[in-house]
Each structure stands twice: as structure tokens, then as C-alpha cells.
Amino acid sequence: MKSEQLYSFAMSEYAWSIMESGGVIYVVAAAVSYPARVSAQCLRDAARLFSARVQESWKTSREGGLQEASKKLLKNLCEKYDNLEEMDKLTATMAKVDTVKLQMQDNIQQALENCVTLE
């Protein structure tokens, strides 16, 4: 595995993204429908934040010794990346397009009903 190289694959309903950085392997599992570009961004953020917070102490810690140090970091990352519209401009734009499409469909339906009424 090359350092800083992102590997992705899908298995059943999950998409997996894996990356090694500084001797630590990072993994993100998301629904297949979750955008891969956002998973990759989450993985890189996790690597950056984890290495900044834990630095080299992971090499000498006992099993479960980093649980408390990592718990809040991972919780914050999950909450941040759970809101796709905030994290991904393309997803936010597509949501707006869907809203406009629904409004246009309603407008067309109303116009057709008005034509029938006028006849």
C-alpha cells in the first residue's frame, strides 16, 4: 500500500475507502449512495486531525489507550460529514435543482388545470 494513496471499493451496500499515512491505516465505510469524493475528503481530514492530535503516541500506547483521545475527534468528523449538503456543494446544488423541479411540475399542473377550466 502506497502512503497517502487512496483505495476505494464497494462491497454489497457499503463503499470502503482506505488510506495509509504515517504508519496508520485509515478506513471510512459509507453507504454506496454516499459520494466517493466526500468519503475521500473525510478520510484525509481524519488522517490530518488524528496525526495532529495523537502524533507519535500511537506507537507506544497500549491497546485501547487512544480511545479517549480519538473518541471526540471521530464523533465530530461523523457529525460534520453526516450533513452532505453542507460538505458537498454539488449535493447542495442538486437538492436545490430538485426543489425547483418540483415547483415547476406544480406550476405546469396548475397551468393545465387552468386551461381545462377556461375551456
PDB file of N, CA and C in Angstrom:
ATOM      1  N   MET A   1       0.855  -1.168   0.000  1.00  0.00           N
ATOM      2  CA  MET A   1       0.000   0.000   0.000  1.00  0.00           C
ATOM      3  C   MET A   1       0.906   1.238   0.000  1.00  0.00           C
ATOM      4  N   LYS A   2       0.707   2.115  -0.965  1.00  0.00           N
ATOM      5  CA  LYS A   2       1.478   3.350  -1.031  1.00  0.00           C
ATOM      6  C   LYS A   2       0.951   4.360  -0.014  1.00  0.00           C
ATOM      7  N   SER A   3       1.865   5.068   0.627  1.00  0.00           N
ATOM      8  CA  SER A   3       1.472   6.070   1.595  1.00  0.00           C
ATOM      9  C   SER A   3       0.713   7.201   0.917  1.00  0.00           C
ATOM     10  N   GLU A   4      -0.353   7.662   1.560  1.00  0.00           N
ATOM     11  CA  GLU A   4      -1.198   8.756   1.080  1.00  0.00           C
ATOM     12  C   GLU A   4      -2.013   8.391  -0.166  1.00  0.00           C
ATOM     13  N   GLN A   5      -1.937   7.152  -0.632  1.00  0.00           N
ATOM     14  CA  GLN A   5      -2.709   6.700  -1.791  1.00  0.00           C
ATOM     15  C   GLN A   5      -4.080   6.243  -1.320  1.00  0.00           C
ATOM     16  N   LEU A   6      -5.132   6.720  -1.963  1.00  0.00           N
ATOM     17  CA  LEU A   6      -6.499   6.367  -1.592  1.00  0.00           C
ATOM     18  C   LEU A   6      -6.947   5.149  -2.388  1.00  0.00           C
ATOM     19  N   TYR A   7      -7.480   4.159  -1.694  1.00  0.00           N
ATOM     20  CA  TYR A   7      -8.021   2.959  -2.317  1.00  0.00           C
ATOM     21  C   TYR A   7      -9.504   2.895  -1.977  1.00  0.00           C
ATOM     22  N   SER A   8     -10.328   2.610  -2.986  1.00  0.00           N
ATOM     23  CA  SER A   8     -11.774   2.549  -2.771  1.00  0.00           C
ATOM     24  C   SER A   8     -12.347   1.316  -3.441  1.00  0.00           C
ATOM     25  N   PHE A   9     -13.350   0.738  -2.814  1.00  0.00           N
ATOM     26  CA  PHE A   9     -14.076  -0.375  -3.410  1.00  0.00           C
ATOM     27  C   PHE A   9     -15.448  -0.468  -2.759  1.00  0.00           C
ATOM     28  N   ALA A  10     -16.361  -1.128  -3.459  1.00  0.00           N
ATOM     29  CA  ALA A  10     -17.721  -1.307  -2.933  1.00  0.00           C
ATOM     30  C   ALA A  10     -17.963  -2.786  -2.697  1.00  0.00           C
ATOM     31  N   MET A  11     -18.646  -3.070  -1.602  1.00  0.00           N
ATOM     32  CA  MET A  11     -18.995  -4.443  -1.275  1.00  0.00           C
ATOM     33  C   MET A  11     -20.395  -4.424  -0.687  1.00  0.00           C
ATOM     34  N   SER A  12     -21.304  -5.115  -1.329  1.00  0.00           N
ATOM     35  CA  SER A  12     -22.732  -5.132  -1.032  1.00  0.00           C
ATOM     36  C   SER A  12     -23.253  -3.703  -0.895  1.00  0.00           C
ATOM     37  N   GLU A  13     -23.710  -3.273   0.262  1.00  0.00           N
ATOM     38  CA  GLU A  13     -24.314  -1.942   0.362  1.00  0.00           C
ATOM     39  C   GLU A  13     -23.351  -0.870   0.877  1.00  0.00           C
ATOM     40  N   TYR A  14     -22.085  -1.234   1.059  1.00  0.00           N
ATOM     41  CA  TYR A  14     -21.113  -0.273   1.586  1.00  0.00           C
ATOM     42  C   TYR A  14     -20.000   0.025   0.596  1.00  0.00           C
ATOM     43  N   ALA A  15     -19.553   1.273   0.625  1.00  0.00           N
ATOM     44  CA  ALA A  15     -18.379   1.696  -0.147  1.00  0.00           C
ATOM     45  C   ALA A  15     -17.267   1.940   0.873  1.00  0.00           C
ATOM     46  N   TRP A  16     -16.108   1.371   0.625  1.00  0.00           N
ATOM     47  CA  TRP A  16     -14.980   1.459   1.540  1.00  0.00           C
ATOM     48  C   TRP A  16     -13.894   2.319   0.930  1.00  0.00           C
ATOM     49  N   SER A  17     -13.320   3.188   1.733  1.00  0.00           N
ATOM     50  CA  SER A  17     -12.175   3.993   1.334  1.00  0.00           C
ATOM     51  C   SER A  17     -11.079   3.732   2.360  1.00  0.00           C
ATOM     52  N   ILE A  18      -9.873   3.456   1.862  1.00  0.00           N
ATOM     53  CA  ILE A  18      -8.752   3.096   2.734  1.00  0.00           C
ATOM     54  C   ILE A  18      -7.532   3.907   2.331  1.00  0.00           C
ATOM     55  N   MET A  19      -6.764   4.346   3.332  1.00  0.00           N
ATOM     56  CA  MET A  19      -5.552   5.099   3.071  1.00  0.00           C
ATOM     57  C   MET A  19      -4.570   4.877   4.221  1.00  0.00           C
ATOM     58  N   GLU A  20      -3.284   4.798   3.890  1.00  0.00           N
ATOM     59  CA  GLU A  20      -2.235   4.692   4.898  1.00  0.00           C
ATOM     60  C   GLU A  20      -1.488   6.012   4.931  1.00  0.00           C
ATOM     61  N   SER A  21      -1.220   6.500   6.131  1.00  0.00           N
ATOM     62  CA  SER A  21      -0.476   7.742   6.283  1.00  0.00           C
ATOM     63  C   SER A  21       0.318   7.687   7.579  1.00  0.00           C
ATOM     64  N   GLY A  22       1.604   7.825   7.487  1.00  0.00           N
ATOM     65  CA  GLY A  22       2.450   7.843   8.675  1.00  0.00           C
ATOM     66  C   GLY A  22       2.405   6.570   9.491  1.00  0.00           C
ATOM     67  N   GLY A  23       2.198   5.435   8.847  1.00  0.00           N
ATOM     68  CA  GLY A  23       2.155   4.164   9.557  1.00  0.00           C
ATOM     69  C   GLY A  23       0.794   3.806  10.118  1.00  0.00           C
ATOM     70  N   VAL A  24      -0.199   4.647   9.915  1.00  0.00           N
ATOM     71  CA  VAL A  24      -1.556   4.397  10.410  1.00  0.00           C
ATOM     72  C   VAL A  24      -2.464   4.159   9.202  1.00  0.00           C
ATOM     73  N   ILE A  25      -3.322   3.156   9.307  1.00  0.00           N
ATOM     74  CA  ILE A  25      -4.283   2.875   8.234  1.00  0.00           C
ATOM     75  C   ILE A  25      -5.632   3.457   8.639  1.00  0.00           C
ATOM     76  N   TYR A  26      -6.193   4.267   7.755  1.00  0.00           N
ATOM     77  CA  TYR A  26      -7.482   4.919   7.981  1.00  0.00           C
ATOM     78  C   TYR A  26      -8.514   4.274   7.069  1.00  0.00           C
ATOM     79  N   VAL A  27      -9.717   4.047   7.594  1.00  0.00           N
ATOM     80  CA  VAL A  27     -10.790   3.399   6.840  1.00  0.00           C
ATOM     81  C   VAL A  27     -12.082   4.182   7.043  1.00  0.00           C
ATOM     82  N   VAL A  28     -12.795   4.417   5.944  1.00  0.00           N
ATOM     83  CA  VAL A  28     -14.129   5.007   6.007  1.00  0.00           C
ATOM     84  C   VAL A  28     -15.074   4.055   5.288  1.00  0.00           C
ATOM     85  N   ALA A  29     -16.150   3.691   5.970  1.00  0.00           N
ATOM     86  CA  ALA A  29     -17.196   2.872   5.364  1.00  0.00           C
ATOM     87  C   ALA A  29     -18.450   3.730   5.288  1.00  0.00           C
ATOM     88  N   ALA A  30     -19.041   3.795   4.100  1.00  0.00           N
ATOM     89  CA  ALA A  30     -20.242   4.604   3.898  1.00  0.00           C
ATOM     90  C   ALA A  30     -21.205   3.848   2.995  1.00  0.00           C
ATOM     91  N   ALA A  31     -22.426   4.298   2.972  1.00  0.00           N
ATOM     92  CA  ALA A  31     -23.398   3.712   2.047  1.00  0.00           C
ATOM     93  C   ALA A  31     -22.921   3.929   0.623  1.00  0.00           C
ATOM     94  N   VAL A  32     -23.251   3.009  -0.257  1.00  0.00           N
ATOM     95  CA  VAL A  32     -22.826   3.105  -1.654  1.00  0.00           C
ATOM     96  C   VAL A  32     -23.316   4.403  -2.276  1.00  0.00           C
ATOM     97  N   SER A  33     -24.452   4.906  -1.828  1.00  0.00           N
ATOM     98  CA  SER A  33     -25.011   6.138  -2.382  1.00  0.00           C
ATOM     99  C   SER A  33     -24.261   7.389  -1.922  1.00  0.00           C
ATOM    100  N   TYR A  34     -23.449   7.270  -0.889  1.00  0.00           N
ATOM    101  CA  TYR A  34     -22.677   8.415  -0.376  1.00  0.00           C
ATOM    102  C   TYR A  34     -21.583   8.750  -1.389  1.00  0.00           C
ATOM    103  N   PRO A  35     -21.427  10.028  -1.759  1.00  0.00           N
ATOM    104  CA  PRO A  35     -20.442  10.391  -2.796  1.00  0.00           C
ATOM    105  C   PRO A  35     -19.007  10.017  -2.405  1.00  0.00           C
ATOM    106  N   ALA A  36     -18.315   9.362  -3.322  1.00  0.00           N
ATOM    107  CA  ALA A  36     -16.936   8.920  -3.070  1.00  0.00           C
ATOM    108  C   ALA A  36     -16.013  10.100  -2.800  1.00  0.00           C
ATOM    109  N   ARG A  37     -16.246  11.224  -3.463  1.00  0.00           N
ATOM    110  CA  ARG A  37     -15.366  12.383  -3.265  1.00  0.00           C
ATOM    111  C   ARG A  37     -15.465  12.914  -1.830  1.00  0.00           C
ATOM    112  N   VAL A  38     -16.650  12.778  -1.217  1.00  0.00           N
ATOM    113  CA  VAL A  38     -16.836  13.234   0.157  1.00  0.00           C
ATOM    114  C   VAL A  38     -16.195  12.234   1.123  1.00  0.00           C
ATOM    115  N   SER A  39     -16.305  10.944   0.824  1.00  0.00           N
ATOM    116  CA  SER A  39     -15.633   9.926   1.650  1.00  0.00           C
ATOM    117  C   SER A  39     -14.127  10.148   1.640  1.00  0.00           C
ATOM    118  N   ALA A  40     -13.575  10.453   0.463  1.00  0.00           N
ATOM    119  CA  ALA A  40     -12.138  10.702   0.345  1.00  0.00           C
ATOM    120  C   ALA A  40     -11.739  11.927   1.161  1.00  0.00           C
ATOM    121  N   GLN A  41     -12.554  12.952   1.111  1.00  0.00           N
ATOM    122  CA  GLN A  41     -12.285  14.171   1.883  1.00  0.00           C
ATOM    123  C   GLN A  41     -12.331  13.865   3.384  1.00  0.00           C
ATOM    124  N   CYS A  42     -13.290  13.062   3.810  1.00  0.00           N
ATOM    125  CA  CYS A  42     -13.411  12.670   5.213  1.00  0.00           C
ATOM    126  C   CYS A  42     -12.178  11.880   5.652  1.00  0.00           C
ATOM    127  N   LEU A  43     -11.725  10.973   4.810  1.00  0.00           N
ATOM    128  CA  LEU A  43     -10.555  10.164   5.117  1.00  0.00           C
ATOM    129  C   LEU A  43      -9.311  11.027   5.288  1.00  0.00           C
ATOM    130  N   ARG A  44      -9.131  11.974   4.413  1.00  0.00           N
ATOM    131  CA  ARG A  44      -7.966  12.874   4.510  1.00  0.00           C
ATOM    132  C   ARG A  44      -8.060  13.760   5.758  1.00  0.00           C
ATOM    133  N   ASP A  45      -9.262  14.224   6.078  1.00  0.00           N
ATOM    134  CA  ASP A  45      -9.452  15.009   7.305  1.00  0.00           C
ATOM    135  C   ASP A  45      -9.140  14.169   8.538  1.00  0.00           C
ATOM    136  N   ALA A  46      -9.592  12.927   8.539  1.00  0.00           N
ATOM    137  CA  ALA A  46      -9.337  12.042   9.673  1.00  0.00           C
ATOM    138  C   ALA A  46      -7.834  11.844   9.867  1.00  0.00           C
ATOM    139  N   ALA A  47      -7.123  11.613   8.780  1.00  0.00           N
ATOM    140  CA  ALA A  47      -5.669  11.416   8.869  1.00  0.00           C
ATOM    141  C   ALA A  47      -4.986  12.674   9.397  1.00  0.00           C
ATOM    142  N   ARG A  48      -5.387  13.824   8.885  1.00  0.00           N
ATOM    143  CA  ARG A  48      -4.764  15.082   9.302  1.00  0.00           C
ATOM    144  C   ARG A  48      -5.038  15.372  10.776  1.00  0.00           C
ATOM    145  N   LEU A  49      -6.284  15.241  11.191  1.00  0.00           N
ATOM    146  CA  LEU A  49      -6.649  15.539  12.574  1.00  0.00           C
ATOM    147  C   LEU A  49      -6.076  14.525  13.561  1.00  0.00           C
ATOM    148  N   PHE A  50      -6.113  13.253  13.192  1.00  0.00           N
ATOM    149  CA  PHE A  50      -5.588  12.215  14.071  1.00  0.00           C
ATOM    150  C   PHE A  50      -4.088  12.393  14.281  1.00  0.00           C
ATOM    151  N   SER A  51      -3.359  12.628  13.191  1.00  0.00           N
ATOM    152  CA  SER A  51      -1.909  12.793  13.335  1.00  0.00           C
ATOM    153  C   SER A  51      -1.572  14.059  14.121  1.00  0.00           C
ATOM    154  N   ALA A  52      -2.381  15.102  13.993  1.00  0.00           N
ATOM    155  CA  ALA A  52      -2.135  16.327  14.751  1.00  0.00           C
ATOM    156  C   ALA A  52      -2.416  16.128  16.238  1.00  0.00           C
ATOM    157  N   ARG A  53      -3.474  15.379  16.563  1.00  0.00           N
ATOM    158  CA  ARG A  53      -3.854  15.194  17.961  1.00  0.00           C
ATOM    159  C   ARG A  53      -3.000  14.128  18.646  1.00  0.00           C
ATOM    160  N   VAL A  54      -2.792  13.003  17.987  1.00  0.00           N
ATOM    161  CA  VAL A  54      -2.135  11.869  18.618  1.00  0.00           C
ATOM    162  C   VAL A  54      -0.626  11.879  18.365  1.00  0.00           C
ATOM    163  N   GLN A  55      -0.227  12.430  17.236  1.00  0.00           N
ATOM    164  CA  GLN A  55       1.175  12.489  16.800  1.00  0.00           C
ATOM    165  C   GLN A  55       1.798  11.096  16.836  1.00  0.00           C
ATOM    166  N   GLU A  56       2.867  10.909  17.551  1.00  0.00           N
ATOM    167  CA  GLU A  56       3.566   9.622  17.573  1.00  0.00           C
ATOM    168  C   GLU A  56       3.195   8.745  18.765  1.00  0.00           C
ATOM    169  N   SER A  57       2.281   9.198  19.605  1.00  0.00           N
ATOM    170  CA  SER A  57       1.946   8.414  20.799  1.00  0.00           C
ATOM    171  C   SER A  57       1.256   7.094  20.465  1.00  0.00           C
ATOM    172  N   TRP A  58       0.736   6.952  19.244  1.00  0.00           N
ATOM    173  CA  TRP A  58       0.088   5.703  18.870  1.00  0.00           C
ATOM    174  C   TRP A  58       1.077   4.546  18.842  1.00  0.00           C
ATOM    175  N   LYS A  59       2.344   4.838  18.639  1.00  0.00           N
ATOM    176  CA  LYS A  59       3.355   3.779  18.558  1.00  0.00           C
ATOM    177  C   LYS A  59       3.597   3.109  19.908  1.00  0.00           C
ATOM    178  N   THR A  60       3.445   3.840  20.992  1.00  0.00           N
ATOM    179  CA  THR A  60       3.758   3.306  22.315  1.00  0.00           C
ATOM    180  C   THR A  60       2.531   3.095  23.194  1.00  0.00           C
ATOM    181  N   SER A  61       1.352   3.413  22.700  1.00  0.00           N
ATOM    182  CA  SER A  61       0.159   3.268  23.547  1.00  0.00           C
ATOM    183  C   SER A  61      -0.247   1.803  23.663  1.00  0.00           C
ATOM    184  N   ARG A  62      -0.898   1.502  24.758  1.00  0.00           N
ATOM    185  CA  ARG A  62      -1.407   0.148  24.967  1.00  0.00           C
ATOM    186  C   ARG A  62      -2.723  -0.004  24.208  1.00  0.00           C
ATOM    187  N   GLU A  63      -3.214  -1.222  24.129  1.00  0.00           N
ATOM    188  CA  GLU A  63      -4.467  -1.485  23.429  1.00  0.00           C
ATOM    189  C   GLU A  63      -5.591  -0.682  24.064  1.00  0.00           C
ATOM    190  N   GLY A  64      -6.319   0.069  23.256  1.00  0.00           N
ATOM    191  CA  GLY A  64      -7.424   0.899  23.726  1.00  0.00           C
ATOM    192  C   GLY A  64      -6.970   2.200  24.354  1.00  0.00           C
ATOM    193  N   GLY A  65      -5.667   2.457  24.368  1.00  0.00           N
ATOM    194  CA  GLY A  65      -5.124   3.639  25.024  1.00  0.00           C
ATOM    195  C   GLY A  65      -5.454   4.950  24.331  1.00  0.00           C
ATOM    196  N   LEU A  66      -5.796   4.881  23.067  1.00  0.00           N
ATOM    197  CA  LEU A  66      -6.115   6.106  22.318  1.00  0.00           C
ATOM    198  C   LEU A  66      -7.619   6.314  22.184  1.00  0.00           C
ATOM    199  N   GLN A  67      -8.380   5.467  22.820  1.00  0.00           N
ATOM    200  CA  GLN A  67      -9.830   5.530  22.685  1.00  0.00           C
ATOM    201  C   GLN A  67     -10.383   6.884  23.102  1.00  0.00           C
ATOM    202  N   GLU A  68      -9.987   7.384  24.255  1.00  0.00           N
ATOM    203  CA  GLU A  68     -10.499   8.665  24.730  1.00  0.00           C
ATOM    204  C   GLU A  68     -10.013   9.826  23.860  1.00  0.00           C
ATOM    205  N   ALA A  69      -8.757   9.762  23.442  1.00  0.00           N
ATOM    206  CA  ALA A  69      -8.201  10.836  22.618  1.00  0.00           C
ATOM    207  C   ALA A  69      -8.859  10.893  21.248  1.00  0.00           C
ATOM    208  N   SER A  70      -9.300   9.746  20.757  1.00  0.00           N
ATOM    209  CA  SER A  70      -9.866   9.669  19.406  1.00  0.00           C
ATOM    210  C   SER A  70     -11.381   9.778  19.372  1.00  0.00           C
ATOM    211  N   LYS A  71     -12.029   9.479  20.476  1.00  0.00           N
ATOM    212  CA  LYS A  71     -13.494   9.405  20.515  1.00  0.00           C
ATOM    213  C   LYS A  71     -14.155  10.710  20.064  1.00  0.00           C
ATOM    214  N   LYS A  72     -13.747  11.824  20.648  1.00  0.00           N
ATOM    215  CA  LYS A  72     -14.350  13.113  20.310  1.00  0.00           C
ATOM    216  C   LYS A  72     -14.021  13.510  18.878  1.00  0.00           C
ATOM    217  N   LEU A  73     -12.790  13.258  18.468  1.00  0.00           N
ATOM    218  CA  LEU A  73     -12.365  13.582  17.102  1.00  0.00           C
ATOM    219  C   LEU A  73     -13.231  12.846  16.079  1.00  0.00           C
ATOM    220  N   LEU A  74     -13.403  11.550  16.283  1.00  0.00           N
ATOM    221  CA  LEU A  74     -14.197  10.757  15.341  1.00  0.00           C
ATOM    222  C   LEU A  74     -15.674  11.130  15.385  1.00  0.00           C
ATOM    223  N   LYS A  75     -16.184  11.429  16.568  1.00  0.00           N
ATOM    224  CA  LYS A  75     -17.584  11.847  16.689  1.00  0.00           C
ATOM    225  C   LYS A  75     -17.815  13.146  15.923  1.00  0.00           C
ATOM    226  N   ASN A  76     -16.898  14.106  16.082  1.00  0.00           N
ATOM    227  CA  ASN A  76     -17.014  15.384  15.366  1.00  0.00           C
ATOM    228  C   ASN A  76     -16.933  15.197  13.854  1.00  0.00           C
ATOM    229  N   LEU A  77     -16.032  14.329  13.412  1.00  0.00           N
ATOM    230  CA  LEU A  77     -15.927  14.049  11.974  1.00  0.00           C
ATOM    231  C   LEU A  77     -17.218  13.436  11.436  1.00  0.00           C
ATOM    232  N   CYS A  78     -17.765  12.486  12.167  1.00  0.00           N
ATOM    233  CA  CYS A  78     -19.007  11.839  11.722  1.00  0.00           C
ATOM    234  C   CYS A  78     -20.149  12.844  11.639  1.00  0.00           C
ATOM    235  N   GLU A  79     -20.262  13.704  12.632  1.00  0.00           N
ATOM    236  CA  GLU A  79     -21.322  14.717  12.612  1.00  0.00           C
ATOM    237  C   GLU A  79     -21.116  15.698  11.461  1.00  0.00           C
ATOM    238  N   LYS A  80     -19.882  16.096  11.233  1.00  0.00           N
ATOM    239  CA  LYS A  80     -19.568  17.042  10.158  1.00  0.00           C
ATOM    240  C   LYS A  80     -19.918  16.454   8.791  1.00  0.00           C
ATOM    241  N   TYR A  81     -19.510  15.208   8.547  1.00  0.00           N
ATOM    242  CA  TYR A  81     -19.717  14.597   7.235  1.00  0.00           C
ATOM    243  C   TYR A  81     -21.088  13.949   7.084  1.00  0.00           C
ATOM    244  N   ASP A  82     -21.885  13.948   8.131  1.00  0.00           N
ATOM    245  CA  ASP A  82     -23.236  13.415   8.045  1.00  0.00           C
ATOM    246  C   ASP A  82     -24.160  14.366   7.296  1.00  0.00           C
ATOM    247  N   ASN A  83     -23.831  15.657   7.312  1.00  0.00           N
ATOM    248  CA  ASN A  83     -24.624  16.661   6.609  1.00  0.00           C
ATOM    249  C   ASN A  83     -24.024  16.879   5.218  1.00  0.00           C
ATOM    250  N   LEU A  84     -24.497  16.101   4.249  1.00  0.00           N
ATOM    251  CA  LEU A  84     -23.932  16.144   2.904  1.00  0.00           C
ATOM    252  C   LEU A  84     -24.080  17.495   2.232  1.00  0.00           C
ATOM    253  N   GLU A  85     -25.212  18.136   2.409  1.00  0.00           N
ATOM    254  CA  GLU A  85     -25.431  19.413   1.732  1.00  0.00           C
ATOM    255  C   GLU A  85     -24.455  20.484   2.208  1.00  0.00           C
ATOM    256  N   GLU A  86     -24.014  20.375   3.439  1.00  0.00           N
ATOM    257  CA  GLU A  86     -23.059  21.343   3.959  1.00  0.00           C
ATOM    258  C   GLU A  86     -21.632  21.011   3.495  1.00  0.00           C
ATOM    259  N   MET A  87     -21.339  19.720   3.345  1.00  0.00           N
ATOM    260  CA  MET A  87     -19.980  19.293   2.990  1.00  0.00           C
ATOM    261  C   MET A  87     -19.725  19.289   1.490  1.00  0.00           C
ATOM    262  N   ASP A  88     -20.750  19.111   0.699  1.00  0.00           N
ATOM    263  CA  ASP A  88     -20.570  18.912  -0.732  1.00  0.00           C
ATOM    264  C   ASP A  88     -21.440  19.890  -1.506  1.00  0.00           C
ATOM    265  N   LYS A  89     -20.810  20.814  -2.199  1.00  0.00           N
ATOM    266  CA  LYS A  89     -21.558  21.835  -2.945  1.00  0.00           C
ATOM    267  C   LYS A  89     -22.401  21.220  -4.057  1.00  0.00           C
ATOM    268  N   LEU A  90     -21.896  20.160  -4.681  1.00  0.00           N
ATOM    269  CA  LEU A  90     -22.650  19.510  -5.749  1.00  0.00           C
ATOM    270  C   LEU A  90     -23.952  18.921  -5.197  1.00  0.00           C
ATOM    271  N   THR A  91     -23.885  18.284  -4.053  1.00  0.00           N
ATOM    272  CA  THR A  91     -25.089  17.721  -3.441  1.00  0.00           C
ATOM    273  C   THR A  91     -26.071  18.829  -3.066  1.00  0.00           C
ATOM    274  N   ALA A  92     -25.545  19.926  -2.540  1.00  0.00           N
ATOM    275  CA  ALA A  92     -26.410  21.054  -2.179  1.00  0.00           C
ATOM    276  C   ALA A  92     -27.093  21.623  -3.417  1.00  0.00           C
ATOM    277  N   THR A  93     -26.341  21.756  -4.500  1.00  0.00           N
ATOM    278  CA  THR A  93     -26.898  22.280  -5.747  1.00  0.00           C
ATOM    279  C   THR A  93     -27.960  21.336  -6.301  1.00  0.00           C
ATOM    280  N   MET A  94     -27.701  20.028  -6.254  1.00  0.00           N
ATOM    281  CA  MET A  94     -28.674  19.061  -6.756  1.00  0.00           C
ATOM    282  C   MET A  94     -29.961  19.098  -5.923  1.00  0.00           C
ATOM    283  N   ALA A  95     -29.841  19.323  -4.632  1.00  0.00           N
ATOM    284  CA  ALA A  95     -31.034  19.438  -3.788  1.00  0.00           C
ATOM    285  C   ALA A  95     -31.855  20.655  -4.189  1.00  0.00           C
ATOM    286  N   LYS A  96     -31.179  21.758  -4.502  1.00  0.00           N
ATOM    287  CA  LYS A  96     -31.886  22.960  -4.955  1.00  0.00           C
ATOM    288  C   LYS A  96     -32.552  22.725  -6.302  1.00  0.00           C
ATOM    289  N   VAL A  97     -31.860  22.022  -7.197  1.00  0.00           N
ATOM    290  CA  VAL A  97     -32.435  21.706  -8.514  1.00  0.00           C
ATOM    291  C   VAL A  97     -33.686  20.856  -8.340  1.00  0.00           C
ATOM    292  N   ASP A  98     -33.632  19.866  -7.458  1.00  0.00           N
ATOM    293  CA  ASP A  98     -34.811  19.024  -7.212  1.00  0.00           C
ATOM    294  C   ASP A  98     -35.981  19.844  -6.686  1.00  0.00           C
ATOM    295  N   THR A  99     -35.693  20.810  -5.821  1.00  0.00           N
ATOM    296  CA  THR A  99     -36.748  21.684  -5.294  1.00  0.00           C
ATOM    297  C   THR A  99     -37.384  22.504  -6.412  1.00  0.00           C
ATOM    298  N   VAL A 100     -36.538  23.044  -7.288  1.00  0.00           N
ATOM    299  CA  VAL A 100     -37.045  23.843  -8.413  1.00  0.00           C
ATOM    300  C   VAL A 100     -37.851  22.960  -9.363  1.00  0.00           C
ATOM    301  N   LYS A 101     -37.387  21.731  -9.613  1.00  0.00           N
ATOM    302  CA  LYS A 101     -38.122  20.813 -10.491  1.00  0.00           C
ATOM    303  C   LYS A 101     -39.519  20.533  -9.943  1.00  0.00           C
ATOM    304  N   LEU A 102     -39.612  20.286  -8.639  1.00  0.00           N
ATOM    305  CA  LEU A 102     -40.918  20.024  -8.032  1.00  0.00           C
ATOM    306  C   LEU A 102     -41.839  21.237  -8.155  1.00  0.00           C
ATOM    307  N   GLN A 103     -41.285  22.423  -7.949  1.00  0.00           N
ATOM    308  CA  GLN A 103     -42.077  23.649  -8.065  1.00  0.00           C
ATOM    309  C   GLN A 103     -42.554  23.837  -9.505  1.00  0.00           C
ATOM    310  N   MET A 104     -41.676  23.558 -10.480  1.00  0.00           N
ATOM    311  CA  MET A 104     -42.052  23.691 -11.889  1.00  0.00           C
ATOM    312  C   MET A 104     -43.147  22.682 -12.255  1.00  0.00           C
ATOM    313  N   GLN A 105     -43.053  21.461 -11.737  1.00  0.00           N
ATOM    314  CA  GLN A 105     -44.085  20.462 -12.005  1.00  0.00           C
ATOM    315  C   GLN A 105     -45.430  20.912 -11.440  1.00  0.00           C
ATOM    316  N   ASP A 106     -45.397  21.488 -10.250  1.00  0.00           N
ATOM    317  CA  ASP A 106     -46.631  22.017  -9.660  1.00  0.00           C
ATOM    318  C   ASP A 106     -47.192  23.158 -10.509  1.00  0.00           C
ATOM    319  N   ASN A 107     -46.315  24.028 -10.991  1.00  0.00           N
ATOM    320  CA  ASN A 107     -46.749  25.156 -11.825  1.00  0.00           C
ATOM    321  C   ASN A 107     -47.365  24.670 -13.134  1.00  0.00           C
ATOM    322  N   ILE A 108     -46.758  23.661 -13.752  1.00  0.00           N
ATOM    323  CA  ILE A 108     -47.291  23.114 -15.008  1.00  0.00           C
ATOM    324  C   ILE A 108     -48.652  22.465 -14.759  1.00  0.00           C
ATOM    325  N   GLN A 109     -48.753  21.711 -13.664  1.00  0.00           N
ATOM    326  CA  GLN A 109     -50.030  21.087 -13.323  1.00  0.00           C
ATOM    327  C   GLN A 109     -51.111  22.147 -13.116  1.00  0.00           C
ATOM    328  N   GLN A 110     -50.781  23.222 -12.433  1.00  0.00           N
ATOM    329  CA  GLN A 110     -51.721  24.313 -12.191  1.00  0.00           C
ATOM    330  C   GLN A 110     -52.126  24.983 -13.506  1.00  0.00           C
ATOM    331  N   ALA A 111     -51.157  25.164 -14.414  1.00  0.00           N
ATOM    332  CA  ALA A 111     -51.452  25.782 -15.705  1.00  0.00           C
ATOM    333  C   ALA A 111     -52.381  24.898 -16.516  1.00  0.00           C
ATOM    334  N   LEU A 112     -52.160  23.594 -16.491  1.00  0.00           N
ATOM    335  CA  LEU A 112     -53.036  22.661 -17.215  1.00  0.00           C
ATOM    336  C   LEU A 112     -54.455  22.680 -16.633  1.00  0.00           C
ATOM    337  N   GLU A 113     -54.566  22.727 -15.336  1.00  0.00           N
ATOM    338  CA  GLU A 113     -55.888  22.792 -14.701  1.00  0.00           C
ATOM    339  C   GLU A 113     -56.595  24.104 -15.066  1.00  0.00           C
ATOM    340  N   ASN A 114     -55.840  25.198 -15.145  1.00  0.00           N
ATOM    341  CA  ASN A 114     -56.412  26.480 -15.539  1.00  0.00           C
ATOM    342  C   ASN A 114     -56.909  26.422 -16.989  1.00  0.00           C
ATOM    343  N   CYS A 115     -56.152  25.764 -17.874  1.00  0.00           N
ATOM    344  CA  CYS A 115     -56.583  25.639 -19.281  1.00  0.00           C
ATOM    345  C   CYS A 115     -57.891  24.860 -19.372  1.00  0.00           C
ATOM    346  N   VAL A 116     -58.000  23.792 -18.604  1.00  0.00           N
ATOM    347  CA  VAL A 116     -59.221  22.990 -18.604  1.00  0.00           C
ATOM    348  C   VAL A 116     -60.375  23.828 -18.092  1.00  0.00           C
ATOM    349  N   THR A 117     -60.160  24.609 -17.067  1.00  0.00           N
ATOM    350  CA  THR A 117     -61.195  25.460 -16.501  1.00  0.00           C
ATOM    351  C   THR A 117     -61.651  26.502 -17.508  1.00  0.00           C
ATOM    352  N   LEU A 118     -60.703  27.103 -18.243  1.00  0.00           N
ATOM    353  CA  LEU A 118     -61.032  28.117 -19.253  1.00  0.00           C
ATOM    354  C   LEU A 118     -61.827  27.559 -20.396  1.00  0.00           C
ATOM    355  N   GLU A 119     -61.554  26.306 -20.786  1.00  0.00           N
ATOM    356  CA  GLU A 119     -62.306  25.693 -21.878  1.00  0.00           C
ATOM    357  C   GLU A 119     -63.720  25.464 -21.467  1.00  0.00           C
TER     358      GLU A 119
END
